[in-house]
Amino acid sequence: MKMEDVSKWMEQAGLPGRDAYDLPASPKRFKDGAHCRMELTGLEGPKVLEALIKEKNRRNVPVHRLISIVQGGTLFDRGELRDFAQMAAGEKMEVIAVPGPRLGWDTGRQAASSEGMRCGMNLRGSDQLRKVIADMIRMYEEGIRGFMIVDEGLMMLIKTMQEQGNFPRDIAIKLSVWASIGSPAGAKLVEGLGVSSFNTPSDIPLPQMAAIRQAVSIPMDFYIYTSLSFGGMNRFYEGPEIAKCCAPVYFKIEPGVALSAGGGESLYQPWTSDDEHLVMIRKKIKYAAIIKEIIEENEPEIKLSGQGPDDLCVPVV
């Protein structure tokens, strides 16, 4: 079987037949014409968000999206959720909150075994689906308008419920890195399901990312700095080329020990002190400023969105 023939068939199916080794510039942009935006993680409550706002303003670095309350919305009372939404809305930042119910909360132990952990992070059973939907609605009622999920089946359910009028439409849905969308076919699938953006794997080579970009138009979320549990990659100096080839793209900054709220050393455990999060959020703002500087020095034509572009799903208060 000639691989050239398979490439032709892939192209007929609307996908690139090869990875984009020539690294073509992406003609796609955010609605404001920008190539890239900044996405910060670990906003575990109003106190940490307050520190982020002060630091971003001090360094004059725009922050567009906040991956927030990663330990799970269930663990925050309504007053905390409301305060968080109001603070983010005041700075015109999109909040992507994480519902509490997930595989790590389930009683099944396969996910904790050496091979079971490779089986994905999808929800199990109808009860898990209804719990996560209920938690999303609870946060929506307090003003949150963005959510991060892992399960493509859940996205299909959300889309169906929206069409039926049973779930709000004025929201953003981000698909987590745990879904591991690493090919043009996977990206095209989740775009069709209605996700607003998706994380690629943190170690994906640039030609593969550029091929994914050719297949879809929604923003890609890229780990330019990631935790040790995901390999600990720092790709700051690839930032200019990534912005050029993969626009529109969010640069995601998440150093640390572990990402999963189920991991013992993760920052996203409910018993982790605010002081630890405060230290990390200031470092992340500093790294965003460094990435911005590297892009401006090496690809000055690359545009970073200013603070508060009007297409973000900012909390409603």
Protein backbone atom coordinates (compact mmCIF):
# COMPACT_ATOMS: atom_id res chain seq x y z
CA MET A 1 0.00 0.00 0.00
CA LYS A 2 1.49 3.32 -1.05
CA MET A 3 1.39 5.92 1.68
CA GLU A 4 1.05 8.62 -1.01
CA ASP A 5 -2.37 7.16 -1.84
CA VAL A 6 -3.41 7.29 1.81
CA SER A 7 -2.32 10.93 1.92
CA LYS A 8 -4.57 11.66 -1.07
CA TRP A 9 -7.51 9.98 0.63
CA MET A 10 -6.89 11.98 3.81
CA GLU A 11 -6.86 15.19 1.80
CA GLN A 12 -10.13 14.19 0.13
CA ALA A 13 -11.51 13.77 3.68
CA GLY A 14 -10.52 17.35 4.50
CA LEU A 15 -7.34 16.59 6.46
CA PRO A 16 -3.67 17.29 5.63
CA GLY A 17 -2.02 14.21 4.16
CA ARG A 18 1.30 14.85 5.94
CA ASP A 19 2.60 16.76 8.91
CA ALA A 20 3.45 20.34 7.92
CA TYR A 21 7.24 20.17 7.82
CA ASP A 22 7.41 23.44 5.88
CA LEU A 23 5.79 25.20 8.87
CA PRO A 24 3.43 27.42 6.85
CA ALA A 25 2.15 30.59 8.47
CA SER A 26 -1.44 30.24 9.65
CA PRO A 27 -3.87 32.69 8.01
CA LYS A 28 -6.33 32.22 10.89
CA ARG A 29 -6.72 34.68 13.76
CA PHE A 30 -8.75 35.53 16.82
CA LYS A 31 -11.66 37.87 16.12
CA ASP A 32 -9.57 40.90 17.07
CA GLY A 33 -6.91 39.93 14.51
CA ALA A 34 -4.45 38.60 17.11
CA HIS A 35 -2.28 35.51 16.70
CA CYS A 36 -2.02 34.59 20.38
CA ARG A 37 -3.34 35.09 23.89
CA MET A 38 -2.25 34.21 27.43
CA GLU A 39 -3.91 31.51 29.54
CA LEU A 40 -2.97 31.15 33.21
CA THR A 41 -3.81 28.28 35.50
CA GLY A 42 -4.15 27.70 39.21
CA LEU A 43 -6.60 30.46 40.14
CA GLU A 44 -7.86 28.65 43.21
CA GLY A 45 -10.12 31.28 44.68
CA PRO A 46 -10.63 35.05 45.00
CA LYS A 47 -7.44 35.66 47.03
CA VAL A 48 -5.24 34.19 44.30
CA LEU A 49 -7.14 36.06 41.58
CA GLU A 50 -6.59 39.32 43.44
CA ALA A 51 -2.83 38.67 43.43
CA LEU A 52 -2.89 37.88 39.69
CA ILE A 53 -4.69 41.14 38.90
CA LYS A 54 -2.18 43.21 40.86
CA GLU A 55 0.83 41.47 39.29
CA LYS A 56 -0.41 41.59 35.69
CA ASN A 57 -1.15 45.29 36.04
CA ARG A 58 2.25 45.92 37.61
CA ARG A 59 4.04 44.12 34.75
CA ASN A 60 1.64 45.44 32.08
CA VAL A 61 0.99 41.93 30.72
CA PRO A 62 -2.47 41.05 29.33
CA VAL A 63 -4.07 37.89 30.70
CA HIS A 64 -7.04 36.65 28.71
CA ARG A 65 -8.16 33.34 30.15
CA LEU A 66 -8.07 31.84 33.64
CA ILE A 67 -8.15 28.07 34.20
CA SER A 68 -9.78 28.28 37.60
CA ILE A 69 -10.88 26.33 40.66
CA VAL A 70 -9.19 23.24 39.25
CA GLN A 71 -9.73 21.31 42.48
CA GLY A 72 -13.42 21.34 41.49
CA GLY A 73 -16.30 23.79 41.66
CA THR A 74 -18.04 21.56 44.20
CA LEU A 75 -15.44 22.59 46.80
CA PHE A 76 -16.22 26.33 46.55
CA ASP A 77 -19.30 27.86 48.14
CA ARG A 78 -21.59 30.11 46.13
CA GLY A 79 -20.21 33.26 47.72
CA GLU A 80 -16.67 32.36 46.64
CA LEU A 81 -17.84 31.57 43.12
CA ARG A 82 -19.74 34.87 42.93
CA ASP A 83 -16.81 36.91 44.22
CA PHE A 84 -14.47 35.20 41.77
CA ALA A 85 -16.80 35.90 38.86
CA GLN A 86 -17.16 39.56 39.81
CA MET A 87 -13.39 40.11 40.08
CA ALA A 88 -12.70 38.45 36.72
CA ALA A 89 -15.51 40.37 35.04
CA GLY A 90 -14.03 43.64 36.30
CA GLU A 91 -10.79 42.85 34.44
CA LYS A 92 -12.55 41.39 31.38
CA MET A 93 -10.93 37.97 31.76
CA GLU A 94 -12.52 34.71 30.65
CA VAL A 95 -12.94 32.18 33.44
CA ILE A 96 -12.71 28.49 32.53
CA ALA A 97 -13.83 26.64 35.65
CA VAL A 98 -13.50 22.93 36.32
CA PRO A 99 -16.58 21.03 37.54
CA GLY A 100 -15.94 18.88 40.57
CA PRO A 101 -17.25 15.41 39.65
CA ARG A 102 -14.68 13.56 37.50
CA LEU A 103 -12.90 10.24 37.25
CA GLY A 104 -10.62 11.05 40.20
CA TRP A 105 -13.71 11.42 42.41
CA ASP A 106 -15.15 8.07 41.35
CA THR A 107 -14.99 5.02 43.61
CA GLY A 108 -13.48 2.84 40.86
CA ARG A 109 -9.77 2.15 41.30
CA GLN A 110 -8.79 1.13 37.76
CA ALA A 111 -7.58 4.68 37.13
CA ALA A 112 -5.07 4.31 39.97
CA SER A 113 -3.49 1.16 38.53
CA SER A 114 -0.37 1.17 36.33
CA GLU A 115 -2.26 0.26 33.16
CA GLY A 116 -5.70 1.59 34.02
CA MET A 117 -4.36 5.14 34.19
CA ARG A 118 -3.70 4.91 30.45
CA CYS A 119 -7.36 4.34 29.64
CA GLY A 120 -8.36 7.97 29.61
CA MET A 121 -10.18 10.28 31.99
CA ASN A 122 -13.72 9.83 30.72
CA LEU A 123 -16.68 9.83 33.08
CA ARG A 124 -18.36 6.55 33.99
CA GLY A 125 -22.10 5.94 34.03
CA SER A 126 -25.10 8.24 33.84
CA ASP A 127 -24.81 9.40 37.45
CA GLN A 128 -21.34 10.86 36.79
CA LEU A 129 -22.75 12.72 33.78
CA ARG A 130 -25.64 14.24 35.73
CA LYS A 131 -23.35 15.26 38.61
CA VAL A 132 -20.94 17.16 36.37
CA ILE A 133 -23.81 18.85 34.50
CA ALA A 134 -25.36 19.89 37.82
CA ASP A 135 -22.04 21.34 39.00
CA MET A 136 -21.65 23.34 35.78
CA ILE A 137 -25.16 24.78 36.16
CA ARG A 138 -24.40 25.67 39.79
CA MET A 139 -21.35 27.69 38.71
CA TYR A 140 -23.27 29.21 35.78
CA GLU A 141 -25.88 30.50 38.24
CA GLU A 142 -23.11 32.44 40.04
CA GLY A 143 -21.86 34.09 36.83
CA ILE A 144 -19.25 31.67 35.44
CA ARG A 145 -19.48 31.33 31.65
CA GLY A 146 -16.62 28.95 30.81
CA PHE A 147 -15.85 25.34 31.70
CA MET A 148 -13.12 22.78 31.11
CA ILE A 149 -14.05 19.16 30.48
CA VAL A 150 -12.21 15.97 29.53
CA ASP A 151 -14.90 13.73 28.09
CA GLU A 152 -15.93 14.00 24.41
CA GLY A 153 -19.12 12.13 25.26
CA LEU A 154 -19.98 14.82 27.79
CA MET A 155 -19.45 17.43 25.07
CA MET A 156 -21.85 15.57 22.81
CA LEU A 157 -24.43 15.56 25.62
CA ILE A 158 -23.96 19.29 26.28
CA LYS A 159 -24.43 20.05 22.59
CA THR A 160 -27.62 17.98 22.46
CA MET A 161 -28.98 19.60 25.63
CA GLN A 162 -28.23 23.05 24.17
CA GLU A 163 -30.17 22.18 21.03
CA GLN A 164 -33.06 21.03 23.23
CA GLY A 165 -32.97 24.27 25.25
CA ASN A 166 -31.87 22.52 28.45
CA PHE A 167 -28.34 23.91 28.77
CA PRO A 168 -27.09 27.50 28.32
CA ARG A 169 -25.47 28.47 25.02
CA ASP A 170 -23.62 31.62 26.15
CA ILE A 171 -20.61 29.66 27.39
CA ALA A 172 -17.13 28.51 26.36
CA ILE A 173 -16.16 24.85 26.63
CA LYS A 174 -12.46 23.99 26.66
CA LEU A 175 -11.33 20.39 26.14
CA SER A 176 -8.54 19.49 28.54
CA VAL A 177 -5.09 18.11 27.75
CA TRP A 178 -6.31 14.90 29.39
CA ALA A 179 -8.34 14.23 26.24
CA SER A 180 -5.02 14.20 24.34
CA ILE A 181 -6.13 15.56 20.97
CA GLY A 182 -2.94 15.07 18.94
CA SER A 183 -4.03 14.65 15.32
CA PRO A 184 -5.95 16.62 12.68
CA ALA A 185 -8.68 13.96 12.75
CA GLY A 186 -9.15 14.23 16.52
CA ALA A 187 -9.17 18.02 16.31
CA LYS A 188 -11.78 18.00 13.54
CA LEU A 189 -13.94 15.62 15.57
CA VAL A 190 -14.03 17.81 18.69
CA GLU A 191 -14.50 20.99 16.66
CA GLY A 192 -17.61 19.35 15.22
CA LEU A 193 -18.81 18.56 18.73
CA GLY A 194 -18.77 22.26 19.54
CA VAL A 195 -15.77 22.79 21.82
CA SER A 196 -14.47 26.35 21.93
CA SER A 197 -10.81 25.29 22.09
CA PHE A 198 -8.70 22.23 22.89
CA ASN A 199 -5.34 21.38 24.39
CA THR A 200 -2.79 19.55 22.29
CA PRO A 201 -0.35 17.22 24.09
CA SER A 202 2.40 19.24 25.74
CA ASP A 203 5.27 17.55 23.88
CA ILE A 204 3.84 17.65 20.35
CA PRO A 205 6.33 18.71 17.63
CA LEU A 206 5.66 21.89 15.69
CA PRO A 207 5.07 20.22 12.26
CA GLN A 208 2.31 18.12 13.84
CA MET A 209 0.76 21.20 15.45
CA ALA A 210 0.86 23.03 12.12
CA ALA A 211 -0.93 20.10 10.46
CA ILE A 212 -3.64 20.21 13.13
CA ARG A 213 -4.05 23.93 12.50
CA GLN A 214 -4.69 23.27 8.81
CA ALA A 215 -7.64 21.02 9.73
CA VAL A 216 -9.54 23.28 12.16
CA SER A 217 -10.28 26.94 12.87
CA ILE A 218 -10.98 27.01 16.63
CA PRO A 219 -8.15 28.12 18.96
CA MET A 220 -5.52 25.63 20.04
CA ASP A 221 -4.33 25.68 23.65
CA PHE A 222 -0.62 24.99 23.91
CA TYR A 223 1.50 24.22 26.98
CA ILE A 224 4.50 26.48 26.54
CA TYR A 225 5.58 25.49 30.07
CA THR A 226 4.22 22.41 31.76
CA SER A 227 4.52 20.42 34.95
CA LEU A 228 7.00 17.67 35.76
CA SER A 229 4.16 15.13 35.65
CA PHE A 230 3.75 15.94 31.95
CA GLY A 231 7.46 16.07 31.19
CA GLY A 232 8.40 19.51 32.48
CA MET A 233 8.92 21.08 29.02
CA ASN A 234 9.83 24.73 28.70
CA ARG A 235 9.26 25.89 25.09
CA PHE A 236 9.47 29.68 25.51
CA TYR A 237 11.77 30.16 22.53
CA GLU A 238 9.39 28.25 20.26
CA GLY A 239 6.69 30.79 21.12
CA PRO A 240 7.21 33.09 18.11
CA GLU A 241 7.09 30.23 15.60
CA ILE A 242 4.15 28.56 17.35
CA ALA A 243 2.18 31.82 17.22
CA LYS A 244 3.01 32.20 13.54
CA CYS A 245 2.14 28.63 12.47
CA CYS A 246 -0.69 27.79 14.84
CA ALA A 247 -2.69 31.01 15.22
CA PRO A 248 -5.10 31.42 16.86
CA VAL A 249 -3.37 29.91 19.90
CA TYR A 250 -3.50 30.29 23.68
CA PHE A 251 -0.17 29.99 25.45
CA LYS A 252 -0.77 27.98 28.59
CA ILE A 253 1.69 28.38 31.48
CA GLU A 254 1.53 25.66 34.14
CA PRO A 255 4.84 24.69 35.79
CA GLY A 256 4.86 22.66 38.97
CA VAL A 257 4.98 19.10 40.23
CA ALA A 258 1.71 17.66 38.93
CA LEU A 259 -1.45 18.76 37.11
CA SER A 260 -4.07 16.25 38.19
CA ALA A 261 -6.26 17.14 41.13
CA GLY A 262 -6.00 13.44 41.97
CA GLY A 263 -2.20 13.58 42.25
CA GLY A 264 -0.82 13.70 45.78
CA GLU A 265 1.71 16.45 45.05
CA SER A 266 -0.53 18.57 42.84
CA LEU A 267 -1.17 22.21 43.70
CA TYR A 268 -4.84 21.53 43.00
CA GLN A 269 -5.63 19.74 46.24
CA PRO A 270 -8.09 21.46 48.60
CA TRP A 271 -5.55 21.34 51.43
CA THR A 272 -2.90 23.28 49.49
CA SER A 273 -2.41 26.69 51.11
CA ASP A 274 -3.22 29.96 49.37
CA ASP A 275 0.37 31.04 49.99
CA GLU A 276 1.67 28.35 47.61
CA HIS A 277 -0.74 29.47 44.90
CA LEU A 278 0.19 33.11 45.44
CA VAL A 279 3.88 32.35 44.87
CA MET A 280 3.12 30.38 41.71
CA ILE A 281 0.72 32.89 40.17
CA ARG A 282 3.29 35.67 40.45
CA LYS A 283 5.85 33.44 38.75
CA LYS A 284 3.39 32.64 35.96
CA ILE A 285 2.79 36.33 35.30
CA LYS A 286 6.56 36.84 35.12
CA TYR A 287 6.84 33.98 32.62
CA ALA A 288 4.01 35.50 30.53
CA ALA A 289 6.01 38.75 30.41
CA ILE A 290 9.13 36.86 29.27
CA ILE A 291 7.20 35.01 26.54
CA LYS A 292 5.72 38.31 25.35
CA GLU A 293 9.22 39.81 25.20
CA ILE A 294 10.65 36.86 23.23
CA ILE A 295 7.84 37.09 20.68
CA GLU A 296 8.23 40.86 20.26
CA GLU A 297 11.99 40.56 19.74
CA ASN A 298 11.86 37.67 17.24
CA GLU A 299 8.55 38.07 15.38
CA PRO A 300 7.44 41.70 15.85
CA GLU A 301 4.55 41.26 13.40
CA ILE A 302 2.94 38.72 15.73
CA LYS A 303 -0.02 40.29 17.54
CA LEU A 304 -0.90 39.49 21.15
CA SER A 305 -4.46 40.44 22.12
CA GLY A 306 -4.83 43.37 24.47
CA GLN A 307 -6.65 43.04 27.76
CA GLY A 308 -10.33 42.15 27.45
CA PRO A 309 -11.10 41.37 23.78
CA ASP A 310 -14.87 41.32 23.30
CA ASP A 311 -15.15 37.69 22.13
CA LEU A 312 -14.20 36.22 25.52
CA CYS A 313 -16.85 34.52 27.66
CA VAL A 314 -16.35 36.87 30.59
CA PRO A 315 -18.39 36.13 33.74
CA VAL A 316 -21.79 37.78 33.92
CA VAL A 317 -22.44 39.55 37.22
